[in-house]
Amino acid sequence: MASDINRVVLIGRMVKDPELKYTQGGSSVTNFSIANNRTYTVSTGEKKELTSFFNCIAWGKMGEVIVQYCKKGQRIAVEGRLQQRSWDDQNGNKRYVVEVVVENFQFLSAKGGEGAEPHEAAPDTGGMPPAGDNPFTDDDIPF
């Protein structure tokens, strides 16, 4: 049977400091939430902003590194998959949560700089010259 696609990539800011815990088996697990902003235009032309909050979970060394270097307000990019869990609460009600299981991440804020932006690095062009130095012309494109 073929697998379905379950990928998510988010960039946002830490809502609060990440929390490191350990399972009964001794595995480390880190929980955190990120706020992700989106701007859209309503029919009147007015711009609005919507903030969504996403719960994330990172296992093992990856989570430990996030706890060590990332704090509330800092930007982070996460890549992973969505996971749904369910449990019965203390009143016997079925509860559900959907969270991002982090499989890769990138810090986007400078270390120790509450929300500070990193210095611009030269983009990886994959061996091609920068956009301003493009040696190709429109005649080189076959369509």
C-alpha atoms as a PDB file:
ATOM      1  CA  MET A   1       0.000   0.000   0.000  1.00  0.00           C
ATOM      2  CA  ALA A   2       1.328   3.452  -0.889  1.00  0.00           C
ATOM      3  CA  SER A   3       1.895   6.058   1.801  1.00  0.00           C
ATOM      4  CA  ASP A   4       0.040   9.352   1.758  1.00  0.00           C
ATOM      5  CA  ILE A   5       1.835  12.681   2.014  1.00  0.00           C
ATOM      6  CA  ASN A   6       1.997  14.321   5.429  1.00  0.00           C
ATOM      7  CA  ARG A   7       4.452  17.263   5.428  1.00  0.00           C
ATOM      8  CA  VAL A   8       4.271  20.631   7.096  1.00  0.00           C
ATOM      9  CA  VAL A   9       6.685  23.571   7.089  1.00  0.00           C
ATOM     10  CA  LEU A  10       6.072  26.508   9.416  1.00  0.00           C
ATOM     11  CA  ILE A  11       7.907  29.672  10.371  1.00  0.00           C
ATOM     12  CA  GLY A  12       6.851  31.458  13.513  1.00  0.00           C
ATOM     13  CA  ARG A  13       7.825  32.797  16.905  1.00  0.00           C
ATOM     14  CA  MET A  14       8.055  30.835  20.127  1.00  0.00           C
ATOM     15  CA  VAL A  15       4.971  31.531  22.239  1.00  0.00           C
ATOM     16  CA  LYS A  16       6.870  30.662  25.442  1.00  0.00           C
ATOM     17  CA  ASP A  17      10.089  28.922  26.396  1.00  0.00           C
ATOM     18  CA  PRO A  18      10.110  25.280  25.226  1.00  0.00           C
ATOM     19  CA  GLU A  19       9.583  22.600  27.891  1.00  0.00           C
ATOM     20  CA  LEU A  20      11.834  19.552  28.139  1.00  0.00           C
ATOM     21  CA  LYS A  21      10.422  16.400  29.760  1.00  0.00           C
ATOM     22  CA  TYR A  22      11.373  12.746  29.920  1.00  0.00           C
ATOM     23  CA  THR A  23       9.221   9.689  29.292  1.00  0.00           C
ATOM     24  CA  GLN A  24       9.124   6.813  31.777  1.00  0.00           C
ATOM     25  CA  GLY A  25      11.531   5.031  29.450  1.00  0.00           C
ATOM     26  CA  GLY A  26      14.021   7.906  29.701  1.00  0.00           C
ATOM     27  CA  SER A  27      13.498   9.447  26.241  1.00  0.00           C
ATOM     28  CA  SER A  28      13.603  13.230  26.110  1.00  0.00           C
ATOM     29  CA  VAL A  29      10.695  15.096  24.541  1.00  0.00           C
ATOM     30  CA  THR A  30      10.293  18.842  24.055  1.00  0.00           C
ATOM     31  CA  ASN A  31       6.964  20.619  23.685  1.00  0.00           C
ATOM     32  CA  PHE A  32       6.564  24.151  22.397  1.00  0.00           C
ATOM     33  CA  SER A  33       4.115  26.319  20.488  1.00  0.00           C
ATOM     34  CA  ILE A  34       4.788  28.752  17.695  1.00  0.00           C
ATOM     35  CA  ALA A  35       2.710  31.721  16.572  1.00  0.00           C
ATOM     36  CA  ASN A  36       2.396  32.080  12.809  1.00  0.00           C
ATOM     37  CA  ASN A  37       1.102  35.347  11.307  1.00  0.00           C
ATOM     38  CA  ARG A  38      -0.747  35.678   8.030  1.00  0.00           C
ATOM     39  CA  THR A  39      -1.848  38.894   6.335  1.00  0.00           C
ATOM     40  CA  TYR A  40      -4.855  38.946   4.040  1.00  0.00           C
ATOM     41  CA  THR A  41      -7.054  41.536   2.332  1.00  0.00           C
ATOM     42  CA  VAL A  42     -10.807  41.737   2.916  1.00  0.00           C
ATOM     43  CA  SER A  43     -13.306  42.758   0.222  1.00  0.00           C
ATOM     44  CA  THR A  44     -13.062  46.449   1.258  1.00  0.00           C
ATOM     45  CA  GLY A  45      -9.330  46.399   0.495  1.00  0.00           C
ATOM     46  CA  GLU A  46      -8.412  46.624   4.178  1.00  0.00           C
ATOM     47  CA  LYS A  47      -5.481  44.462   5.278  1.00  0.00           C
ATOM     48  CA  LYS A  48      -6.038  42.171   8.247  1.00  0.00           C
ATOM     49  CA  GLU A  49      -3.671  39.974  10.196  1.00  0.00           C
ATOM     50  CA  LEU A  50      -4.492  36.534  11.563  1.00  0.00           C
ATOM     51  CA  THR A  51      -2.302  34.682  14.056  1.00  0.00           C
ATOM     52  CA  SER A  52      -2.485  30.895  14.342  1.00  0.00           C
ATOM     53  CA  PHE A  53      -0.866  28.895  17.123  1.00  0.00           C
ATOM     54  CA  PHE A  54       0.650  25.474  16.461  1.00  0.00           C
ATOM     55  CA  ASN A  55       1.734  22.935  19.077  1.00  0.00           C
ATOM     56  CA  CYS A  56       5.009  21.197  18.248  1.00  0.00           C
ATOM     57  CA  ILE A  57       6.829  18.206  19.683  1.00  0.00           C
ATOM     58  CA  ALA A  58      10.512  17.341  19.173  1.00  0.00           C
ATOM     59  CA  TRP A  59      12.065  14.099  20.383  1.00  0.00           C
ATOM     60  CA  GLY A  60      15.581  13.330  21.592  1.00  0.00           C
ATOM     61  CA  LYS A  61      18.631  15.466  20.921  1.00  0.00           C
ATOM     62  CA  MET A  62      16.700  17.694  18.508  1.00  0.00           C
ATOM     63  CA  GLY A  63      14.367  18.811  21.302  1.00  0.00           C
ATOM     64  CA  GLU A  64      17.246  19.258  23.728  1.00  0.00           C
ATOM     65  CA  VAL A  65      18.981  21.617  21.279  1.00  0.00           C
ATOM     66  CA  ILE A  66      15.768  23.619  20.823  1.00  0.00           C
ATOM     67  CA  VAL A  67      15.437  24.011  24.616  1.00  0.00           C
ATOM     68  CA  GLN A  68      19.078  25.045  24.923  1.00  0.00           C
ATOM     69  CA  TYR A  69      19.078  27.718  22.227  1.00  0.00           C
ATOM     70  CA  CYS A  70      15.520  28.954  21.678  1.00  0.00           C
ATOM     71  CA  LYS A  71      13.453  31.152  23.982  1.00  0.00           C
ATOM     72  CA  LYS A  72      10.106  32.928  23.935  1.00  0.00           C
ATOM     73  CA  GLY A  73       9.771  35.399  21.065  1.00  0.00           C
ATOM     74  CA  GLN A  74      12.503  33.942  18.880  1.00  0.00           C
ATOM     75  CA  ARG A  75      11.786  32.892  15.294  1.00  0.00           C
ATOM     76  CA  ILE A  76      12.114  29.263  14.275  1.00  0.00           C
ATOM     77  CA  ALA A  77      11.354  27.274  11.144  1.00  0.00           C
ATOM     78  CA  VAL A  78      10.092  23.743  11.688  1.00  0.00           C
ATOM     79  CA  GLU A  79       9.532  20.921   9.239  1.00  0.00           C
ATOM     80  CA  GLY A  80       7.789  17.712  10.091  1.00  0.00           C
ATOM     81  CA  ARG A  81       4.502  15.884  10.001  1.00  0.00           C
ATOM     82  CA  LEU A  82       1.091  16.318  11.569  1.00  0.00           C
ATOM     83  CA  GLN A  83       0.074  13.811  14.206  1.00  0.00           C
ATOM     84  CA  GLN A  84      -3.305  13.396  15.901  1.00  0.00           C
ATOM     85  CA  ARG A  85      -3.539  11.928  19.389  1.00  0.00           C
ATOM     86  CA  SER A  86      -6.551  11.200  21.561  1.00  0.00           C
ATOM     87  CA  TRP A  87      -7.099  10.391  25.231  1.00  0.00           C
ATOM     88  CA  ASP A  88      -9.835  10.361  27.850  1.00  0.00           C
ATOM     89  CA  ASP A  89      -9.712  13.292  30.265  1.00  0.00           C
ATOM     90  CA  GLN A  90     -10.453  13.026  33.992  1.00  0.00           C
ATOM     91  CA  ASN A  91     -14.191  13.448  33.295  1.00  0.00           C
ATOM     92  CA  GLY A  92     -14.190  10.591  30.778  1.00  0.00           C
ATOM     93  CA  ASN A  93     -14.509  12.899  27.747  1.00  0.00           C
ATOM     94  CA  LYS A  94     -12.570  12.004  24.614  1.00  0.00           C
ATOM     95  CA  ARG A  95      -9.981  14.724  23.864  1.00  0.00           C
ATOM     96  CA  TYR A  96      -8.027  15.203  20.635  1.00  0.00           C
ATOM     97  CA  VAL A  97      -4.969  17.197  19.678  1.00  0.00           C
ATOM     98  CA  VAL A  98      -3.177  17.718  16.374  1.00  0.00           C
ATOM     99  CA  GLU A  99       0.478  18.665  16.666  1.00  0.00           C
ATOM    100  CA  VAL A 100       3.555  19.032  14.497  1.00  0.00           C
ATOM    101  CA  VAL A 101       6.134  16.298  15.071  1.00  0.00           C
ATOM    102  CA  VAL A 102       9.358  18.159  14.292  1.00  0.00           C
ATOM    103  CA  GLU A 103      11.783  16.292  12.048  1.00  0.00           C
ATOM    104  CA  ASN A 104      13.955  19.266  11.083  1.00  0.00           C
ATOM    105  CA  PHE A 105      14.293  22.857  12.256  1.00  0.00           C
ATOM    106  CA  GLN A 106      16.213  26.073  11.659  1.00  0.00           C
ATOM    107  CA  PHE A 107      16.831  28.883  14.136  1.00  0.00           C
ATOM    108  CA  LEU A 108      15.932  32.205  12.533  1.00  0.00           C
ATOM    109  CA  SER A 109      16.849  34.489  15.450  1.00  0.00           C
ATOM    110  CA  ALA A 110      20.345  35.264  16.647  1.00  0.00           C
ATOM    111  CA  LYS A 111      21.449  33.305  19.720  1.00  0.00           C
ATOM    112  CA  GLY A 112      20.466  35.131  22.885  1.00  0.00           C
ATOM    113  CA  GLY A 113      18.837  37.951  20.938  1.00  0.00           C
ATOM    114  CA  GLU A 114      15.185  38.045  21.961  1.00  0.00           C
ATOM    115  CA  GLY A 115      13.584  38.131  18.553  1.00  0.00           C
ATOM    116  CA  ALA A 116      16.693  39.558  16.890  1.00  0.00           C
ATOM    117  CA  GLU A 117      17.000  38.767  13.221  1.00  0.00           C
ATOM    118  CA  PRO A 118      20.070  36.881  11.950  1.00  0.00           C
ATOM    119  CA  HIS A 119      22.614  38.448   9.642  1.00  0.00           C
ATOM    120  CA  GLU A 120      21.859  37.922   5.962  1.00  0.00           C
ATOM    121  CA  ALA A 121      23.904  35.082   4.544  1.00  0.00           C
ATOM    122  CA  ALA A 122      24.680  34.694   0.889  1.00  0.00           C
ATOM    123  CA  PRO A 123      22.028  32.451  -0.655  1.00  0.00           C
ATOM    124  CA  ASP A 124      23.000  29.011  -1.892  1.00  0.00           C
ATOM    125  CA  THR A 125      22.597  29.265  -5.645  1.00  0.00           C
ATOM    126  CA  GLY A 126      23.448  25.635  -6.331  1.00  0.00           C
ATOM    127  CA  GLY A 127      26.484  26.564  -8.401  1.00  0.00           C
ATOM    128  CA  MET A 128      24.577  29.085 -10.533  1.00  0.00           C
ATOM    129  CA  PRO A 129      25.677  32.733 -10.629  1.00  0.00           C
ATOM    130  CA  PRO A 130      23.634  35.210  -8.556  1.00  0.00           C
ATOM    131  CA  ALA A 131      20.441  36.480 -10.212  1.00  0.00           C
ATOM    132  CA  GLY A 132      22.037  39.762 -11.293  1.00  0.00           C
ATOM    133  CA  ASP A 133      24.844  37.891 -13.074  1.00  0.00           C
ATOM    134  CA  ASN A 134      22.629  35.604 -15.172  1.00  0.00           C
ATOM    135  CA  PRO A 135      24.570  34.570 -18.299  1.00  0.00           C
ATOM    136  CA  PHE A 136      21.402  33.351 -20.070  1.00  0.00           C
ATOM    137  CA  THR A 137      19.138  35.363 -22.364  1.00  0.00           C
ATOM    138  CA  ASP A 138      15.511  34.834 -23.364  1.00  0.00           C
ATOM    139  CA  ASP A 139      16.781  33.228 -26.607  1.00  0.00           C
ATOM    140  CA  ASP A 140      18.384  30.430 -24.531  1.00  0.00           C
ATOM    141  CA  ILE A 141      15.003  29.332 -23.155  1.00  0.00           C
ATOM    142  CA  PRO A 142      13.408  26.656 -25.360  1.00  0.00           C
ATOM    143  CA  PHE A 143       9.765  27.713 -24.825  1.00  0.00           C
END
